[in-house]
Amino acid sequence: MVNIMVKLNPEVKEVIQNQKPLPIATADKNGKPNVIFVGMWKFIDDETIMIVDNFLKKTANNLKENPKLSIVGYDGESKKSYQVKGSVDYLEKGDRFEEAKSLAESKKLPGKAVVIFHIEEVYDSVYGPHAGEQIS
């Protein structure tokens, strides 16, 4: 079930867009955390990110048990950082899956599934007096 999605403002979107690879955090049904880097992902729109599952194991299992995801982006030049949280759909068929699979195959990588990340919360995560404040 998707909660109310929020749109990323251009500043947040730019910081996230430039974060390569992208760190993503999940947790299993018991709350045990897992963080990995993903390299194959893109914005679908200002509310949604598509992440291609090339080699996800623990992360894929976590998302099936607990469909929540968090990402963080940091821009070393501007010293801006944002944490983004939301829910996911883990898809192994359908149009978005076919799009992800084609993208993966174009890079000679497997496309096992696609994670559709629905953005629900955005936080300032740079050090200082506003650290941890929800901005949308």
N, C-alpha and C. Protein backbone atom coordinates (compact mmCIF):
# COMPACT_ATOMS: atom_id res chain seq x y z
N MET A 1 0.84 -1.18 0.00
CA MET A 1 0.00 0.00 0.00
C MET A 1 0.88 1.25 0.00
N VAL A 2 0.60 2.15 -0.88
CA VAL A 2 1.38 3.38 -1.00
C VAL A 2 0.72 4.47 -0.18
N ASN A 3 1.50 5.13 0.65
CA ASN A 3 1.01 6.29 1.39
C ASN A 3 1.00 7.48 0.43
N ILE A 4 0.70 8.64 0.93
CA ILE A 4 0.70 9.84 0.10
C ILE A 4 2.12 10.13 -0.35
N MET A 5 2.29 10.24 -1.65
CA MET A 5 3.61 10.50 -2.20
C MET A 5 3.88 11.99 -2.20
N VAL A 6 5.16 12.34 -2.12
CA VAL A 6 5.56 13.74 -2.18
C VAL A 6 6.50 13.93 -3.37
N LYS A 7 6.48 15.13 -3.92
CA LYS A 7 7.36 15.46 -5.03
C LYS A 7 8.66 16.02 -4.48
N LEU A 8 9.76 15.60 -5.09
CA LEU A 8 11.04 16.17 -4.73
C LEU A 8 11.16 17.56 -5.35
N ASN A 9 11.64 18.52 -4.55
CA ASN A 9 11.91 19.82 -5.15
C ASN A 9 13.18 19.71 -6.00
N PRO A 10 13.42 20.64 -6.91
CA PRO A 10 14.56 20.53 -7.82
C PRO A 10 15.91 20.40 -7.12
N GLU A 11 16.10 21.07 -6.00
CA GLU A 11 17.37 21.00 -5.27
C GLU A 11 17.63 19.60 -4.74
N VAL A 12 16.62 19.01 -4.11
CA VAL A 12 16.75 17.66 -3.57
C VAL A 12 16.97 16.67 -4.72
N LYS A 13 16.19 16.80 -5.77
CA LYS A 13 16.30 15.89 -6.91
C LYS A 13 17.71 15.94 -7.51
N GLU A 14 18.28 17.13 -7.62
CA GLU A 14 19.63 17.26 -8.18
C GLU A 14 20.67 16.56 -7.30
N VAL A 15 20.56 16.73 -5.99
CA VAL A 15 21.51 16.07 -5.08
C VAL A 15 21.39 14.55 -5.23
N ILE A 16 20.17 14.04 -5.24
CA ILE A 16 19.97 12.60 -5.38
C ILE A 16 20.46 12.13 -6.75
N GLN A 17 20.11 12.86 -7.81
CA GLN A 17 20.49 12.49 -9.17
C GLN A 17 22.00 12.34 -9.32
N ASN A 18 22.75 13.18 -8.63
CA ASN A 18 24.20 13.16 -8.73
C ASN A 18 24.87 12.16 -7.80
N GLN A 19 24.09 11.47 -7.00
CA GLN A 19 24.64 10.48 -6.07
C GLN A 19 24.84 9.16 -6.82
N LYS A 20 26.07 8.87 -7.18
CA LYS A 20 26.38 7.64 -7.91
C LYS A 20 27.57 6.97 -7.25
N PRO A 21 27.45 5.73 -6.85
CA PRO A 21 26.23 4.93 -6.79
C PRO A 21 25.31 5.42 -5.67
N LEU A 22 24.09 4.91 -5.70
CA LEU A 22 23.07 5.35 -4.74
C LEU A 22 22.99 4.37 -3.57
N PRO A 23 23.22 4.84 -2.33
CA PRO A 23 23.05 3.94 -1.18
C PRO A 23 21.56 3.77 -0.86
N ILE A 24 21.14 2.52 -0.71
CA ILE A 24 19.76 2.24 -0.33
C ILE A 24 19.75 1.39 0.93
N ALA A 25 18.82 1.68 1.81
CA ALA A 25 18.70 0.98 3.09
C ALA A 25 17.35 0.29 3.17
N THR A 26 17.38 -0.95 3.65
CA THR A 26 16.17 -1.73 3.87
C THR A 26 16.28 -2.39 5.23
N ALA A 27 15.21 -3.06 5.64
CA ALA A 27 15.23 -3.85 6.88
C ALA A 27 14.35 -5.07 6.65
N ASP A 28 14.73 -6.17 7.28
CA ASP A 28 13.89 -7.37 7.15
C ASP A 28 12.68 -7.25 8.08
N LYS A 29 11.87 -8.30 8.11
CA LYS A 29 10.63 -8.24 8.91
C LYS A 29 10.90 -8.10 10.40
N ASN A 30 12.12 -8.44 10.85
CA ASN A 30 12.48 -8.30 12.26
C ASN A 30 13.21 -7.00 12.55
N GLY A 31 13.39 -6.17 11.53
CA GLY A 31 14.05 -4.88 11.72
C GLY A 31 15.55 -4.89 11.52
N LYS A 32 16.13 -6.03 11.12
CA LYS A 32 17.58 -6.08 10.89
C LYS A 32 17.91 -5.27 9.63
N PRO A 33 18.75 -4.23 9.77
CA PRO A 33 19.02 -3.33 8.64
C PRO A 33 20.01 -3.90 7.63
N ASN A 34 19.94 -3.35 6.43
CA ASN A 34 20.84 -3.71 5.35
C ASN A 34 21.01 -2.47 4.47
N VAL A 35 22.25 -2.14 4.13
CA VAL A 35 22.53 -1.00 3.25
C VAL A 35 23.44 -1.49 2.13
N ILE A 36 23.10 -1.12 0.90
CA ILE A 36 23.93 -1.45 -0.25
C ILE A 36 23.99 -0.25 -1.18
N PHE A 37 24.88 -0.33 -2.16
CA PHE A 37 24.93 0.65 -3.24
C PHE A 37 24.30 0.04 -4.48
N VAL A 38 23.52 0.84 -5.21
CA VAL A 38 23.00 0.41 -6.51
C VAL A 38 23.47 1.40 -7.56
N GLY A 39 23.78 0.87 -8.72
CA GLY A 39 24.27 1.71 -9.80
C GLY A 39 23.27 1.93 -10.92
N MET A 40 22.30 1.03 -11.03
CA MET A 40 21.35 1.11 -12.13
C MET A 40 19.99 1.56 -11.61
N TRP A 41 19.73 2.85 -11.76
CA TRP A 41 18.47 3.43 -11.29
C TRP A 41 18.21 4.72 -12.06
N LYS A 42 16.96 5.17 -12.01
CA LYS A 42 16.62 6.44 -12.65
C LYS A 42 15.32 6.98 -12.07
N PHE A 43 15.14 8.29 -12.21
CA PHE A 43 13.87 8.90 -11.83
C PHE A 43 12.83 8.57 -12.89
N ILE A 44 11.65 8.15 -12.46
CA ILE A 44 10.51 8.02 -13.36
C ILE A 44 9.83 9.38 -13.45
N ASP A 45 9.69 10.03 -12.30
CA ASP A 45 9.13 11.38 -12.20
C ASP A 45 9.59 11.96 -10.87
N ASP A 46 9.03 13.07 -10.44
CA ASP A 46 9.47 13.72 -9.20
C ASP A 46 9.03 13.00 -7.93
N GLU A 47 8.25 11.94 -8.07
CA GLU A 47 7.74 11.19 -6.92
C GLU A 47 8.19 9.74 -6.89
N THR A 48 8.89 9.30 -7.95
CA THR A 48 9.14 7.87 -8.12
C THR A 48 10.52 7.61 -8.71
N ILE A 49 11.19 6.61 -8.14
CA ILE A 49 12.50 6.18 -8.65
C ILE A 49 12.40 4.70 -9.02
N MET A 50 13.00 4.35 -10.16
CA MET A 50 13.07 2.96 -10.60
C MET A 50 14.48 2.44 -10.31
N ILE A 51 14.56 1.33 -9.59
CA ILE A 51 15.84 0.70 -9.27
C ILE A 51 15.83 -0.69 -9.90
N VAL A 52 16.86 -0.99 -10.69
CA VAL A 52 16.93 -2.29 -11.35
C VAL A 52 17.60 -3.28 -10.41
N ASP A 53 16.96 -4.43 -10.24
CA ASP A 53 17.54 -5.52 -9.45
C ASP A 53 18.41 -6.36 -10.38
N ASN A 54 19.72 -6.13 -10.29
CA ASN A 54 20.68 -6.95 -11.03
C ASN A 54 21.17 -8.11 -10.17
N PHE A 55 21.54 -7.81 -8.94
CA PHE A 55 22.15 -8.81 -8.07
C PHE A 55 21.64 -8.75 -6.64
N LEU A 56 20.50 -8.15 -6.40
CA LEU A 56 19.99 -8.00 -5.04
C LEU A 56 19.64 -9.37 -4.45
N LYS A 57 20.07 -9.61 -3.22
CA LYS A 57 19.72 -10.84 -2.51
C LYS A 57 19.00 -10.47 -1.22
N LYS A 58 19.79 -10.06 -0.19
CA LYS A 58 19.17 -9.66 1.07
C LYS A 58 18.19 -8.51 0.85
N THR A 59 18.59 -7.56 0.02
CA THR A 59 17.73 -6.40 -0.24
C THR A 59 16.41 -6.83 -0.86
N ALA A 60 16.45 -7.72 -1.84
CA ALA A 60 15.21 -8.20 -2.48
C ALA A 60 14.33 -8.91 -1.46
N ASN A 61 14.94 -9.78 -0.64
CA ASN A 61 14.16 -10.48 0.39
C ASN A 61 13.56 -9.49 1.38
N ASN A 62 14.36 -8.50 1.79
CA ASN A 62 13.85 -7.49 2.73
C ASN A 62 12.66 -6.75 2.14
N LEU A 63 12.76 -6.35 0.88
CA LEU A 63 11.68 -5.58 0.27
C LEU A 63 10.41 -6.40 0.09
N LYS A 64 10.56 -7.69 -0.08
CA LYS A 64 9.38 -8.57 -0.17
C LYS A 64 8.72 -8.71 1.20
N GLU A 65 9.53 -8.75 2.27
CA GLU A 65 9.00 -8.89 3.63
C GLU A 65 8.53 -7.55 4.20
N ASN A 66 9.23 -6.49 3.86
CA ASN A 66 9.02 -5.17 4.45
C ASN A 66 9.24 -4.13 3.35
N PRO A 67 8.20 -3.75 2.62
CA PRO A 67 8.37 -2.91 1.43
C PRO A 67 8.63 -1.43 1.72
N LYS A 68 9.63 -1.18 2.54
CA LYS A 68 10.05 0.19 2.86
C LYS A 68 11.51 0.36 2.45
N LEU A 69 11.84 1.57 2.03
CA LEU A 69 13.18 1.85 1.53
C LEU A 69 13.57 3.26 1.93
N SER A 70 14.87 3.46 2.14
CA SER A 70 15.40 4.79 2.42
C SER A 70 16.66 4.97 1.59
N ILE A 71 16.84 6.18 1.07
CA ILE A 71 18.06 6.52 0.34
C ILE A 71 18.61 7.81 0.93
N VAL A 72 19.87 8.07 0.64
CA VAL A 72 20.49 9.32 1.07
C VAL A 72 21.38 9.83 -0.05
N GLY A 73 21.37 11.13 -0.22
CA GLY A 73 22.25 11.76 -1.20
C GLY A 73 23.02 12.88 -0.54
N TYR A 74 24.28 13.05 -0.95
CA TYR A 74 25.14 14.09 -0.39
C TYR A 74 25.89 14.78 -1.51
N ASP A 75 25.92 16.10 -1.49
CA ASP A 75 26.68 16.90 -2.44
C ASP A 75 27.82 17.54 -1.68
N GLY A 76 29.04 17.05 -1.91
CA GLY A 76 30.21 17.54 -1.20
C GLY A 76 30.55 18.99 -1.49
N GLU A 77 30.19 19.46 -2.68
CA GLU A 77 30.49 20.84 -3.04
C GLU A 77 29.58 21.82 -2.30
N SER A 78 28.28 21.56 -2.34
CA SER A 78 27.33 22.48 -1.69
C SER A 78 27.12 22.14 -0.22
N LYS A 79 27.60 20.97 0.20
CA LYS A 79 27.42 20.46 1.57
C LYS A 79 25.95 20.25 1.90
N LYS A 80 25.15 19.87 0.90
CA LYS A 80 23.73 19.57 1.12
C LYS A 80 23.54 18.07 1.11
N SER A 81 22.65 17.61 1.97
CA SER A 81 22.37 16.18 2.07
C SER A 81 20.90 15.98 2.41
N TYR A 82 20.32 14.96 1.79
CA TYR A 82 18.90 14.68 2.00
C TYR A 82 18.68 13.18 2.13
N GLN A 83 17.80 12.83 3.05
CA GLN A 83 17.35 11.45 3.21
C GLN A 83 15.93 11.38 2.68
N VAL A 84 15.66 10.33 1.91
CA VAL A 84 14.35 10.15 1.29
C VAL A 84 13.83 8.78 1.69
N LYS A 85 12.57 8.73 2.15
CA LYS A 85 11.96 7.48 2.60
C LYS A 85 10.67 7.23 1.84
N GLY A 86 10.32 5.95 1.73
CA GLY A 86 9.07 5.62 1.07
C GLY A 86 8.82 4.13 1.02
N SER A 87 7.84 3.77 0.21
CA SER A 87 7.46 2.37 0.05
C SER A 87 7.77 1.93 -1.37
N VAL A 88 7.79 0.62 -1.57
CA VAL A 88 8.17 0.08 -2.87
C VAL A 88 7.18 -0.96 -3.37
N ASP A 89 7.23 -1.13 -4.68
CA ASP A 89 6.64 -2.29 -5.34
C ASP A 89 7.81 -3.05 -5.94
N TYR A 90 7.90 -4.34 -5.65
CA TYR A 90 8.95 -5.20 -6.21
C TYR A 90 8.29 -6.02 -7.31
N LEU A 91 8.65 -5.73 -8.56
CA LEU A 91 7.94 -6.29 -9.71
C LEU A 91 8.83 -7.22 -10.53
N GLU A 92 8.28 -8.37 -10.88
CA GLU A 92 8.99 -9.33 -11.71
C GLU A 92 8.28 -9.56 -13.05
N LYS A 93 7.32 -8.70 -13.35
CA LYS A 93 6.64 -8.74 -14.65
C LYS A 93 5.96 -7.39 -14.87
N GLY A 94 5.52 -7.16 -16.10
CA GLY A 94 4.84 -5.91 -16.42
C GLY A 94 5.73 -4.94 -17.20
N ASP A 95 5.15 -3.81 -17.56
CA ASP A 95 5.84 -2.82 -18.40
C ASP A 95 7.09 -2.26 -17.74
N ARG A 96 7.01 -1.90 -16.47
CA ARG A 96 8.19 -1.34 -15.78
C ARG A 96 9.29 -2.39 -15.67
N PHE A 97 8.91 -3.64 -15.41
CA PHE A 97 9.90 -4.72 -15.37
C PHE A 97 10.59 -4.85 -16.72
N GLU A 98 9.82 -4.84 -17.80
CA GLU A 98 10.41 -4.97 -19.14
C GLU A 98 11.35 -3.80 -19.44
N GLU A 99 10.98 -2.60 -19.01
CA GLU A 99 11.85 -1.44 -19.18
C GLU A 99 13.17 -1.63 -18.43
N ALA A 100 13.07 -2.09 -17.19
CA ALA A 100 14.26 -2.31 -16.37
C ALA A 100 15.13 -3.42 -16.96
N LYS A 101 14.50 -4.49 -17.39
CA LYS A 101 15.23 -5.62 -17.97
C LYS A 101 15.98 -5.18 -19.23
N SER A 102 15.34 -4.39 -20.08
CA SER A 102 15.99 -3.88 -21.29
C SER A 102 17.18 -2.99 -20.95
N LEU A 103 17.01 -2.13 -19.94
CA LEU A 103 18.10 -1.27 -19.50
C LEU A 103 19.27 -2.12 -19.02
N ALA A 104 19.00 -3.13 -18.21
CA ALA A 104 20.05 -4.00 -17.69
C ALA A 104 20.75 -4.75 -18.83
N GLU A 105 19.97 -5.32 -19.72
CA GLU A 105 20.56 -6.09 -20.82
C GLU A 105 21.40 -5.22 -21.74
N SER A 106 21.05 -3.94 -21.87
CA SER A 106 21.85 -3.03 -22.70
C SER A 106 23.24 -2.81 -22.11
N LYS A 107 23.37 -3.08 -20.82
CA LYS A 107 24.66 -2.95 -20.12
C LYS A 107 25.29 -4.33 -19.86
N LYS A 108 24.70 -5.36 -20.49
CA LYS A 108 25.17 -6.75 -20.34
C LYS A 108 25.08 -7.23 -18.90
N LEU A 109 24.00 -6.82 -18.22
CA LEU A 109 23.74 -7.22 -16.85
C LEU A 109 22.38 -7.90 -16.78
N PRO A 110 22.17 -8.72 -15.76
CA PRO A 110 20.84 -9.33 -15.62
C PRO A 110 19.83 -8.31 -15.09
N GLY A 111 18.61 -8.48 -15.49
CA GLY A 111 17.51 -7.67 -14.97
C GLY A 111 16.50 -8.60 -14.33
N LYS A 112 16.73 -8.93 -13.06
CA LYS A 112 15.88 -9.93 -12.37
C LYS A 112 14.52 -9.37 -11.99
N ALA A 113 14.49 -8.09 -11.65
CA ALA A 113 13.24 -7.46 -11.19
C ALA A 113 13.46 -5.96 -11.20
N VAL A 114 12.39 -5.24 -10.87
CA VAL A 114 12.50 -3.78 -10.75
C VAL A 114 11.84 -3.36 -9.44
N VAL A 115 12.48 -2.43 -8.77
CA VAL A 115 11.95 -1.85 -7.54
C VAL A 115 11.41 -0.46 -7.90
N ILE A 116 10.12 -0.26 -7.68
CA ILE A 116 9.51 1.05 -7.91
C ILE A 116 9.38 1.72 -6.55
N PHE A 117 10.18 2.75 -6.34
CA PHE A 117 10.28 3.45 -5.05
C PHE A 117 9.38 4.68 -5.08
N HIS A 118 8.36 4.66 -4.23
CA HIS A 118 7.39 5.75 -4.12
C HIS A 118 7.82 6.67 -2.98
N ILE A 119 8.21 7.89 -3.29
CA ILE A 119 8.75 8.82 -2.30
C ILE A 119 7.62 9.37 -1.43
N GLU A 120 7.80 9.24 -0.11
CA GLU A 120 6.77 9.67 0.84
C GLU A 120 7.25 10.70 1.85
N GLU A 121 8.56 10.74 2.12
CA GLU A 121 9.10 11.67 3.12
C GLU A 121 10.49 12.12 2.68
N VAL A 122 10.81 13.38 2.94
CA VAL A 122 12.14 13.91 2.64
C VAL A 122 12.64 14.67 3.86
N TYR A 123 13.90 14.41 4.24
CA TYR A 123 14.50 15.03 5.43
C TYR A 123 15.82 15.70 5.06
N ASP A 124 16.11 16.79 5.75
CA ASP A 124 17.42 17.43 5.68
C ASP A 124 18.36 16.53 6.48
N SER A 125 19.46 16.10 5.88
CA SER A 125 20.36 15.22 6.63
C SER A 125 21.79 15.76 6.71
N VAL A 126 21.94 17.06 6.48
CA VAL A 126 23.26 17.65 6.65
C VAL A 126 23.42 18.04 8.12
N TYR A 127 24.65 18.06 8.59
CA TYR A 127 24.90 18.42 9.99
C TYR A 127 24.43 19.85 10.26
N GLY A 128 24.09 20.12 11.49
CA GLY A 128 23.68 21.47 11.87
C GLY A 128 22.32 21.51 12.51
N PRO A 129 21.80 22.71 12.74
CA PRO A 129 20.56 22.87 13.50
C PRO A 129 19.32 22.29 12.82
N HIS A 130 19.35 22.06 11.51
CA HIS A 130 18.17 21.54 10.81
C HIS A 130 18.28 20.06 10.48
N ALA A 131 19.35 19.42 10.95
CA ALA A 131 19.55 17.99 10.68
C ALA A 131 18.36 17.19 11.19
N GLY A 132 17.85 16.33 10.35
CA GLY A 132 16.74 15.47 10.73
C GLY A 132 15.37 16.08 10.57
N GLU A 133 15.29 17.35 10.17
CA GLU A 133 13.98 17.98 9.99
C GLU A 133 13.34 17.51 8.70
N GLN A 134 12.05 17.18 8.80
CA GLN A 134 11.31 16.79 7.61
C GLN A 134 11.03 18.03 6.77
N ILE A 135 11.36 17.97 5.48
CA ILE A 135 11.12 19.12 4.61
C ILE A 135 9.98 18.87 3.63
N SER A 136 9.57 17.64 3.46
CA SER A 136 8.36 17.32 2.68
C SER A 136 7.97 15.88 2.89
